[in-house]
Amino acid sequence: MHPNSFDWLTWSGGRLLDIGVYNKFQSIVDNKKIIRKYAIGYLFGEKLICRPKKDTIAVMFFNGKNEFWTHLTLTEFKECFPDVKT
């Protein structure tokens, strides 16, 4: 996705808990099917205009009513999306 998609308003538009996932490693791994279901795009964390972070991947979600994004660590991202090359 384009870096402009990952803005402050979208970041504050929701959280993983809105799709039933806690922002903890084991919850993310245990619920990777849910994460994959609602994920609509990603961008390497260093390329973000808003809240850039090294060694992360920002994942955009849409839960049917809100679009939001959050950072996943590289390990979390690889657990959820093993078929995506990072």
PDB file of N, CA and C in Angstrom:
ATOM      1  N   MET A   1       0.841  -1.179   0.000  1.00  0.00           N
ATOM      2  CA  MET A   1       0.000   0.000   0.000  1.00  0.00           C
ATOM      3  C   MET A   1       0.886   1.243   0.000  1.00  0.00           C
ATOM      4  N   HIS A   2       0.306   2.342  -0.358  1.00  0.00           N
ATOM      5  CA  HIS A   2       1.017   3.615  -0.412  1.00  0.00           C
ATOM      6  C   HIS A   2       1.192   4.174   1.007  1.00  0.00           C
ATOM      7  N   PRO A   3       2.343   4.799   1.300  1.00  0.00           N
ATOM      8  CA  PRO A   3       2.569   5.362   2.638  1.00  0.00           C
ATOM      9  C   PRO A   3       1.491   6.347   3.090  1.00  0.00           C
ATOM     10  N   ASN A   4       0.888   7.083   2.177  1.00  0.00           N
ATOM     11  CA  ASN A   4      -0.151   8.047   2.561  1.00  0.00           C
ATOM     12  C   ASN A   4      -1.403   7.375   3.131  1.00  0.00           C
ATOM     13  N   SER A   5      -1.572   6.092   2.865  1.00  0.00           N
ATOM     14  CA  SER A   5      -2.725   5.366   3.414  1.00  0.00           C
ATOM     15  C   SER A   5      -2.606   5.175   4.921  1.00  0.00           C
ATOM     16  N   PHE A   6      -1.382   5.200   5.415  1.00  0.00           N
ATOM     17  CA  PHE A   6      -1.112   4.932   6.825  1.00  0.00           C
ATOM     18  C   PHE A   6      -0.948   6.256   7.575  1.00  0.00           C
ATOM     19  N   ASP A   7      -2.068   6.954   7.749  1.00  0.00           N
ATOM     20  CA  ASP A   7      -2.020   8.257   8.398  1.00  0.00           C
ATOM     21  C   ASP A   7      -2.480   8.156   9.851  1.00  0.00           C
ATOM     22  N   TRP A   8      -2.408   9.304  10.546  1.00  0.00           N
ATOM     23  CA  TRP A   8      -2.771   9.347  11.967  1.00  0.00           C
ATOM     24  C   TRP A   8      -4.242   8.998  12.185  1.00  0.00           C
ATOM     25  N   LEU A   9      -5.110   9.532  11.362  1.00  0.00           N
ATOM     26  CA  LEU A   9      -6.542   9.290  11.523  1.00  0.00           C
ATOM     27  C   LEU A   9      -6.877   7.807  11.367  1.00  0.00           C
ATOM     28  N   THR A  10      -6.259   7.162  10.383  1.00  0.00           N
ATOM     29  CA  THR A  10      -6.502   5.729  10.176  1.00  0.00           C
ATOM     30  C   THR A  10      -5.877   4.912  11.299  1.00  0.00           C
ATOM     31  N   TRP A  11      -4.692   5.332  11.764  1.00  0.00           N
ATOM     32  CA  TRP A  11      -4.044   4.616  12.885  1.00  0.00           C
ATOM     33  C   TRP A  11      -4.942   4.643  14.111  1.00  0.00           C
ATOM     34  N   SER A  12      -5.576   5.790  14.371  1.00  0.00           N
ATOM     35  CA  SER A  12      -6.417   5.921  15.561  1.00  0.00           C
ATOM     36  C   SER A  12      -7.847   5.429  15.322  1.00  0.00           C
ATOM     37  N   GLY A  13      -8.129   4.881  14.142  1.00  0.00           N
ATOM     38  CA  GLY A  13      -9.476   4.448  13.783  1.00  0.00           C
ATOM     39  C   GLY A  13      -9.884   3.094  14.319  1.00  0.00           C
ATOM     40  N   GLY A  14      -8.980   2.390  14.957  1.00  0.00           N
ATOM     41  CA  GLY A  14      -9.315   1.076  15.489  1.00  0.00           C
ATOM     42  C   GLY A  14      -8.109   0.421  16.113  1.00  0.00           C
ATOM     43  N   ARG A  15      -8.289  -0.809  16.545  1.00  0.00           N
ATOM     44  CA  ARG A  15      -7.196  -1.574  17.164  1.00  0.00           C
ATOM     45  C   ARG A  15      -7.466  -3.057  16.974  1.00  0.00           C
ATOM     46  N   LEU A  16      -6.453  -3.840  17.200  1.00  0.00           N
ATOM     47  CA  LEU A  16      -6.604  -5.290  17.014  1.00  0.00           C
ATOM     48  C   LEU A  16      -7.742  -5.859  17.852  1.00  0.00           C
ATOM     49  N   LEU A  17      -7.958  -5.298  19.014  1.00  0.00           N
ATOM     50  CA  LEU A  17      -9.037  -5.795  19.863  1.00  0.00           C
ATOM     51  C   LEU A  17     -10.404  -5.669  19.190  1.00  0.00           C
ATOM     52  N   ASP A  18     -10.520  -4.735  18.238  1.00  0.00           N
ATOM     53  CA  ASP A  18     -11.771  -4.582  17.489  1.00  0.00           C
ATOM     54  C   ASP A  18     -12.085  -5.801  16.622  1.00  0.00           C
ATOM     55  N   ILE A  19     -11.075  -6.621  16.344  1.00  0.00           N
ATOM     56  CA  ILE A  19     -11.312  -7.862  15.600  1.00  0.00           C
ATOM     57  C   ILE A  19     -11.077  -9.088  16.495  1.00  0.00           C
ATOM     58  N   GLY A  20     -11.025  -8.836  17.814  1.00  0.00           N
ATOM     59  CA  GLY A  20     -10.944  -9.925  18.781  1.00  0.00           C
ATOM     60  C   GLY A  20      -9.542 -10.438  19.069  1.00  0.00           C
ATOM     61  N   VAL A  21      -8.528  -9.625  18.792  1.00  0.00           N
ATOM     62  CA  VAL A  21      -7.138 -10.047  18.980  1.00  0.00           C
ATOM     63  C   VAL A  21      -6.445  -9.072  19.928  1.00  0.00           C
ATOM     64  N   TYR A  22      -5.787  -9.619  20.945  1.00  0.00           N
ATOM     65  CA  TYR A  22      -4.990  -8.779  21.837  1.00  0.00           C
ATOM     66  C   TYR A  22      -3.657  -8.468  21.178  1.00  0.00           C
ATOM     67  N   ASN A  23      -3.089  -7.339  21.509  1.00  0.00           N
ATOM     68  CA  ASN A  23      -1.821  -6.905  20.923  1.00  0.00           C
ATOM     69  C   ASN A  23      -0.645  -7.546  21.668  1.00  0.00           C
ATOM     70  N   LYS A  24      -0.672  -8.842  21.784  1.00  0.00           N
ATOM     71  CA  LYS A  24       0.381  -9.632  22.417  1.00  0.00           C
ATOM     72  C   LYS A  24       0.758 -10.762  21.463  1.00  0.00           C
ATOM     73  N   PHE A  25       2.024 -11.147  21.467  1.00  0.00           N
ATOM     74  CA  PHE A  25       2.533 -12.117  20.499  1.00  0.00           C
ATOM     75  C   PHE A  25       1.674 -13.378  20.431  1.00  0.00           C
ATOM     76  N   GLN A  26       1.400 -13.996  21.569  1.00  0.00           N
ATOM     77  CA  GLN A  26       0.687 -15.278  21.532  1.00  0.00           C
ATOM     78  C   GLN A  26      -0.729 -15.116  21.001  1.00  0.00           C
ATOM     79  N   SER A  27      -1.392 -14.028  21.351  1.00  0.00           N
ATOM     80  CA  SER A  27      -2.734 -13.790  20.824  1.00  0.00           C
ATOM     81  C   SER A  27      -2.705 -13.578  19.314  1.00  0.00           C
ATOM     82  N   ILE A  28      -1.705 -12.854  18.840  1.00  0.00           N
ATOM     83  CA  ILE A  28      -1.561 -12.626  17.404  1.00  0.00           C
ATOM     84  C   ILE A  28      -1.333 -13.947  16.674  1.00  0.00           C
ATOM     85  N   VAL A  29      -0.454 -14.783  17.199  1.00  0.00           N
ATOM     86  CA  VAL A  29      -0.166 -16.075  16.574  1.00  0.00           C
ATOM     87  C   VAL A  29      -1.398 -16.989  16.633  1.00  0.00           C
ATOM     88  N   ASP A  30      -2.060 -17.021  17.780  1.00  0.00           N
ATOM     89  CA  ASP A  30      -3.238 -17.877  17.934  1.00  0.00           C
ATOM     90  C   ASP A  30      -4.402 -17.441  17.038  1.00  0.00           C
ATOM     91  N   ASN A  31      -4.422 -16.170  16.668  1.00  0.00           N
ATOM     92  CA  ASN A  31      -5.536 -15.628  15.888  1.00  0.00           C
ATOM     93  C   ASN A  31      -5.100 -15.180  14.496  1.00  0.00           C
ATOM     94  N   LYS A  32      -4.085 -15.808  13.955  1.00  0.00           N
ATOM     95  CA  LYS A  32      -3.581 -15.379  12.652  1.00  0.00           C
ATOM     96  C   LYS A  32      -4.624 -15.528  11.539  1.00  0.00           C
ATOM     97  N   LYS A  33      -5.548 -16.455  11.666  1.00  0.00           N
ATOM     98  CA  LYS A  33      -6.616 -16.567  10.652  1.00  0.00           C
ATOM     99  C   LYS A  33      -7.501 -15.326  10.668  1.00  0.00           C
ATOM    100  N   ILE A  34      -7.784 -14.812  11.833  1.00  0.00           N
ATOM    101  CA  ILE A  34      -8.581 -13.584  11.949  1.00  0.00           C
ATOM    102  C   ILE A  34      -7.808 -12.411  11.370  1.00  0.00           C
ATOM    103  N   ILE A  35      -6.526 -12.323  11.688  1.00  0.00           N
ATOM    104  CA  ILE A  35      -5.691 -11.243  11.166  1.00  0.00           C
ATOM    105  C   ILE A  35      -5.658 -11.293   9.648  1.00  0.00           C
ATOM    106  N   ARG A  36      -5.482 -12.469   9.099  1.00  0.00           N
ATOM    107  CA  ARG A  36      -5.471 -12.611   7.636  1.00  0.00           C
ATOM    108  C   ARG A  36      -6.832 -12.252   7.027  1.00  0.00           C
ATOM    109  N   LYS A  37      -7.899 -12.586   7.715  1.00  0.00           N
ATOM    110  CA  LYS A  37      -9.250 -12.314   7.211  1.00  0.00           C
ATOM    111  C   LYS A  37      -9.494 -10.808   7.045  1.00  0.00           C
ATOM    112  N   TYR A  38      -9.048 -10.011   7.998  1.00  0.00           N
ATOM    113  CA  TYR A  38      -9.343  -8.581   7.993  1.00  0.00           C
ATOM    114  C   TYR A  38      -8.225  -7.717   7.410  1.00  0.00           C
ATOM    115  N   ALA A  39      -7.059  -8.274   7.170  1.00  0.00           N
ATOM    116  CA  ALA A  39      -5.952  -7.492   6.610  1.00  0.00           C
ATOM    117  C   ALA A  39      -6.240  -7.143   5.153  1.00  0.00           C
ATOM    118  N   ILE A  40      -5.972  -5.883   4.798  1.00  0.00           N
ATOM    119  CA  ILE A  40      -6.202  -5.455   3.415  1.00  0.00           C
ATOM    120  C   ILE A  40      -4.926  -4.923   2.760  1.00  0.00           C
ATOM    121  N   GLY A  41      -3.847  -4.813   3.514  1.00  0.00           N
ATOM    122  CA  GLY A  41      -2.595  -4.341   2.938  1.00  0.00           C
ATOM    123  C   GLY A  41      -1.529  -4.169   3.993  1.00  0.00           C
ATOM    124  N   TYR A  42      -0.318  -3.902   3.534  1.00  0.00           N
ATOM    125  CA  TYR A  42       0.793  -3.720   4.474  1.00  0.00           C
ATOM    126  C   TYR A  42       1.845  -2.804   3.859  1.00  0.00           C
ATOM    127  N   LEU A  43       2.736  -2.340   4.734  1.00  0.00           N
ATOM    128  CA  LEU A  43       3.856  -1.495   4.328  1.00  0.00           C
ATOM    129  C   LEU A  43       4.958  -1.664   5.361  1.00  0.00           C
ATOM    130  N   PHE A  44       6.198  -1.712   4.912  1.00  0.00           N
ATOM    131  CA  PHE A  44       7.315  -1.819   5.843  1.00  0.00           C
ATOM    132  C   PHE A  44       7.328  -0.603   6.767  1.00  0.00           C
ATOM    133  N   GLY A  45       7.518  -0.833   8.041  1.00  0.00           N
ATOM    134  CA  GLY A  45       7.426   0.208   9.058  1.00  0.00           C
ATOM    135  C   GLY A  45       8.332   1.398   8.853  1.00  0.00           C
ATOM    136  N   GLU A  46       9.501   1.189   8.245  1.00  0.00           N
ATOM    137  CA  GLU A  46      10.431   2.288   8.022  1.00  0.00           C
ATOM    138  C   GLU A  46       9.915   3.268   6.964  1.00  0.00           C
ATOM    139  N   LYS A  47       8.984   2.832   6.122  1.00  0.00           N
ATOM    140  CA  LYS A  47       8.485   3.664   5.031  1.00  0.00           C
ATOM    141  C   LYS A  47       7.265   4.499   5.415  1.00  0.00           C
ATOM    142  N   LEU A  48       6.808   4.361   6.640  1.00  0.00           N
ATOM    143  CA  LEU A  48       5.635   5.091   7.084  1.00  0.00           C
ATOM    144  C   LEU A  48       5.933   6.575   7.244  1.00  0.00           C
ATOM    145  N   ILE A  49       4.965   7.387   6.900  1.00  0.00           N
ATOM    146  CA  ILE A  49       5.050   8.822   7.143  1.00  0.00           C
ATOM    147  C   ILE A  49       4.627   9.109   8.585  1.00  0.00           C
ATOM    148  N   CYS A  50       3.623   8.404   9.050  1.00  0.00           N
ATOM    149  CA  CYS A  50       3.093   8.539  10.405  1.00  0.00           C
ATOM    150  C   CYS A  50       3.574   7.366  11.248  1.00  0.00           C
ATOM    151  N   ARG A  51       4.219   7.641  12.353  1.00  0.00           N
ATOM    152  CA  ARG A  51       4.684   6.614  13.302  1.00  0.00           C
ATOM    153  C   ARG A  51       5.615   5.568  12.677  1.00  0.00           C
ATOM    154  N   PRO A  52       6.662   5.976  11.985  1.00  0.00           N
ATOM    155  CA  PRO A  52       7.583   4.990  11.422  1.00  0.00           C
ATOM    156  C   PRO A  52       8.315   4.229  12.529  1.00  0.00           C
ATOM    157  N   LYS A  53       8.532   2.943  12.295  1.00  0.00           N
ATOM    158  CA  LYS A  53       9.253   2.095  13.250  1.00  0.00           C
ATOM    159  C   LYS A  53      10.086   1.087  12.478  1.00  0.00           C
ATOM    160  N   LYS A  54      11.325   0.938  12.891  1.00  0.00           N
ATOM    161  CA  LYS A  54      12.196  -0.059  12.282  1.00  0.00           C
ATOM    162  C   LYS A  54      11.764  -1.459  12.713  1.00  0.00           C
ATOM    163  N   ASP A  55      12.093  -2.420  11.886  1.00  0.00           N
ATOM    164  CA  ASP A  55      11.855  -3.834  12.168  1.00  0.00           C
ATOM    165  C   ASP A  55      10.384  -4.154  12.450  1.00  0.00           C
ATOM    166  N   THR A  56       9.493  -3.433  11.771  1.00  0.00           N
ATOM    167  CA  THR A  56       8.066  -3.714  11.879  1.00  0.00           C
ATOM    168  C   THR A  56       7.435  -3.658  10.493  1.00  0.00           C
ATOM    169  N   ILE A  57       6.212  -4.148  10.444  1.00  0.00           N
ATOM    170  CA  ILE A  57       5.409  -4.018   9.234  1.00  0.00           C
ATOM    171  C   ILE A  57       4.057  -3.481   9.680  1.00  0.00           C
ATOM    172  N   ALA A  58       3.622  -2.408   9.043  1.00  0.00           N
ATOM    173  CA  ALA A  58       2.310  -1.845   9.338  1.00  0.00           C
ATOM    174  C   ALA A  58       1.282  -2.614   8.515  1.00  0.00           C
ATOM    175  N   VAL A  59       0.256  -3.077   9.184  1.00  0.00           N
ATOM    176  CA  VAL A  59      -0.795  -3.837   8.505  1.00  0.00           C
ATOM    177  C   VAL A  59      -2.107  -3.057   8.614  1.00  0.00           C
ATOM    178  N   MET A  60      -2.742  -2.870   7.477  1.00  0.00           N
ATOM    179  CA  MET A  60      -4.025  -2.171   7.402  1.00  0.00           C
ATOM    180  C   MET A  60      -5.143  -3.211   7.486  1.00  0.00           C
ATOM    181  N   PHE A  61      -6.178  -2.882   8.253  1.00  0.00           N
ATOM    182  CA  PHE A  61      -7.315  -3.769   8.446  1.00  0.00           C
ATOM    183  C   PHE A  61      -8.610  -3.049   8.097  1.00  0.00           C
ATOM    184  N   PHE A  62      -9.611  -3.831   7.695  1.00  0.00           N
ATOM    185  CA  PHE A  62     -10.979  -3.325   7.542  1.00  0.00           C
ATOM    186  C   PHE A  62     -11.892  -4.370   8.157  1.00  0.00           C
ATOM    187  N   ASN A  63     -12.626  -3.962   9.195  1.00  0.00           N
ATOM    188  CA  ASN A  63     -13.463  -4.920   9.925  1.00  0.00           C
ATOM    189  C   ASN A  63     -14.942  -4.841   9.548  1.00  0.00           C
ATOM    190  N   GLY A  64     -15.228  -4.210   8.418  1.00  0.00           N
ATOM    191  CA  GLY A  64     -16.611  -4.084   7.983  1.00  0.00           C
ATOM    192  C   GLY A  64     -17.188  -2.706   8.225  1.00  0.00           C
ATOM    193  N   LYS A  65     -16.591  -1.972   9.173  1.00  0.00           N
ATOM    194  CA  LYS A  65     -17.047  -0.609   9.393  1.00  0.00           C
ATOM    195  C   LYS A  65     -15.908   0.385   9.577  1.00  0.00           C
ATOM    196  N   ASN A  66     -14.772  -0.057  10.068  1.00  0.00           N
ATOM    197  CA  ASN A  66     -13.626   0.840  10.280  1.00  0.00           C
ATOM    198  C   ASN A  66     -12.387   0.320   9.564  1.00  0.00           C
ATOM    199  N   GLU A  67     -11.618   1.252   9.039  1.00  0.00           N
ATOM    200  CA  GLU A  67     -10.299   0.949   8.492  1.00  0.00           C
ATOM    201  C   GLU A  67      -9.277   1.462   9.501  1.00  0.00           C
ATOM    202  N   PHE A  68      -8.316   0.620   9.855  1.00  0.00           N
ATOM    203  CA  PHE A  68      -7.301   1.011  10.821  1.00  0.00           C
ATOM    204  C   PHE A  68      -6.030   0.207  10.559  1.00  0.00           C
ATOM    205  N   TRP A  69      -4.928   0.656  11.155  1.00  0.00           N
ATOM    206  CA  TRP A  69      -3.676  -0.070  10.992  1.00  0.00           C
ATOM    207  C   TRP A  69      -2.918  -0.113  12.305  1.00  0.00           C
ATOM    208  N   THR A  70      -2.017  -1.073  12.370  1.00  0.00           N
ATOM    209  CA  THR A  70      -1.142  -1.207  13.525  1.00  0.00           C
ATOM    210  C   THR A  70       0.181  -1.807  13.072  1.00  0.00           C
ATOM    211  N   HIS A  71       1.179  -1.675  13.928  1.00  0.00           N
ATOM    212  CA  HIS A  71       2.476  -2.284  13.642  1.00  0.00           C
ATOM    213  C   HIS A  71       2.478  -3.732  14.116  1.00  0.00           C
ATOM    214  N   LEU A  72       3.041  -4.615  13.331  1.00  0.00           N
ATOM    215  CA  LEU A  72       3.379  -5.964  13.770  1.00  0.00           C
ATOM    216  C   LEU A  72       4.892  -6.084  13.697  1.00  0.00           C
ATOM    217  N   THR A  73       5.473  -6.828  14.629  1.00  0.00           N
ATOM    218  CA  THR A  73       6.902  -7.088  14.525  1.00  0.00           C
ATOM    219  C   THR A  73       7.142  -7.977  13.305  1.00  0.00           C
ATOM    220  N   LEU A  74       8.371  -8.043  12.859  1.00  0.00           N
ATOM    221  CA  LEU A  74       8.683  -8.918  11.722  1.00  0.00           C
ATOM    222  C   LEU A  74       8.320 -10.362  12.034  1.00  0.00           C
ATOM    223  N   THR A  75       8.571 -10.786  13.257  1.00  0.00           N
ATOM    224  CA  THR A  75       8.247 -12.162  13.658  1.00  0.00           C
ATOM    225  C   THR A  75       6.740 -12.395  13.629  1.00  0.00           C
ATOM    226  N   GLU A  76       5.961 -11.452  14.166  1.00  0.00           N
ATOM    227  CA  GLU A  76       4.502 -11.579  14.146  1.00  0.00           C
ATOM    228  C   GLU A  76       3.988 -11.624  12.716  1.00  0.00           C
ATOM    229  N   PHE A  77       4.515 -10.748  11.866  1.00  0.00           N
ATOM    230  CA  PHE A  77       4.074 -10.702  10.473  1.00  0.00           C
ATOM    231  C   PHE A  77       4.376 -12.026   9.775  1.00  0.00           C
ATOM    232  N   LYS A  78       5.565 -12.559   9.984  1.00  0.00           N
ATOM    233  CA  LYS A  78       5.938 -13.832   9.340  1.00  0.00           C
ATOM    234  C   LYS A  78       5.072 -14.984   9.832  1.00  0.00           C
ATOM    235  N   GLU A  79       4.669 -14.947  11.098  1.00  0.00           N
ATOM    236  CA  GLU A  79       3.772 -15.966  11.634  1.00  0.00           C
ATOM    237  C   GLU A  79       2.400 -15.893  10.960  1.00  0.00           C
ATOM    238  N   CYS A  80       1.908 -14.685  10.743  1.00  0.00           N
ATOM    239  CA  CYS A  80       0.574 -14.490  10.165  1.00  0.00           C
ATOM    240  C   CYS A  80       0.540 -14.624   8.647  1.00  0.00           C
ATOM    241  N   PHE A  81       1.637 -14.210   8.010  1.00  0.00           N
ATOM    242  CA  PHE A  81       1.699 -14.180   6.536  1.00  0.00           C
ATOM    243  C   PHE A  81       2.976 -14.872   6.050  1.00  0.00           C
ATOM    244  N   PRO A  82       3.078 -16.185   6.260  1.00  0.00           N
ATOM    245  CA  PRO A  82       4.314 -16.891   5.899  1.00  0.00           C
ATOM    246  C   PRO A  82       4.597 -16.890   4.404  1.00  0.00           C
ATOM    247  N   ASP A  83       3.581 -16.659   3.586  1.00  0.00           N
ATOM    248  CA  ASP A  83       3.747 -16.686   2.144  1.00  0.00           C
ATOM    249  C   ASP A  83       4.231 -15.346   1.570  1.00  0.00           C
ATOM    250  N   VAL A  84       4.297 -14.305   2.415  1.00  0.00           N
ATOM    251  CA  VAL A  84       4.759 -12.986   1.961  1.00  0.00           C
ATOM    252  C   VAL A  84       6.242 -12.844   2.252  1.00  0.00           C
ATOM    253  N   LYS A  85       7.006 -12.519   1.243  1.00  0.00           N
ATOM    254  CA  LYS A  85       8.454 -12.312   1.403  1.00  0.00           C
ATOM    255  C   LYS A  85       8.692 -10.950   2.034  1.00  0.00           C
ATOM    256  N   THR A  86       9.519 -10.914   3.091  1.00  0.00           N
ATOM    257  CA  THR A  86       9.842  -9.649   3.750  1.00  0.00           C
ATOM    258  C   THR A  86      11.312  -9.307   3.617  1.00  0.00           C
TER     259      THR A  86
END
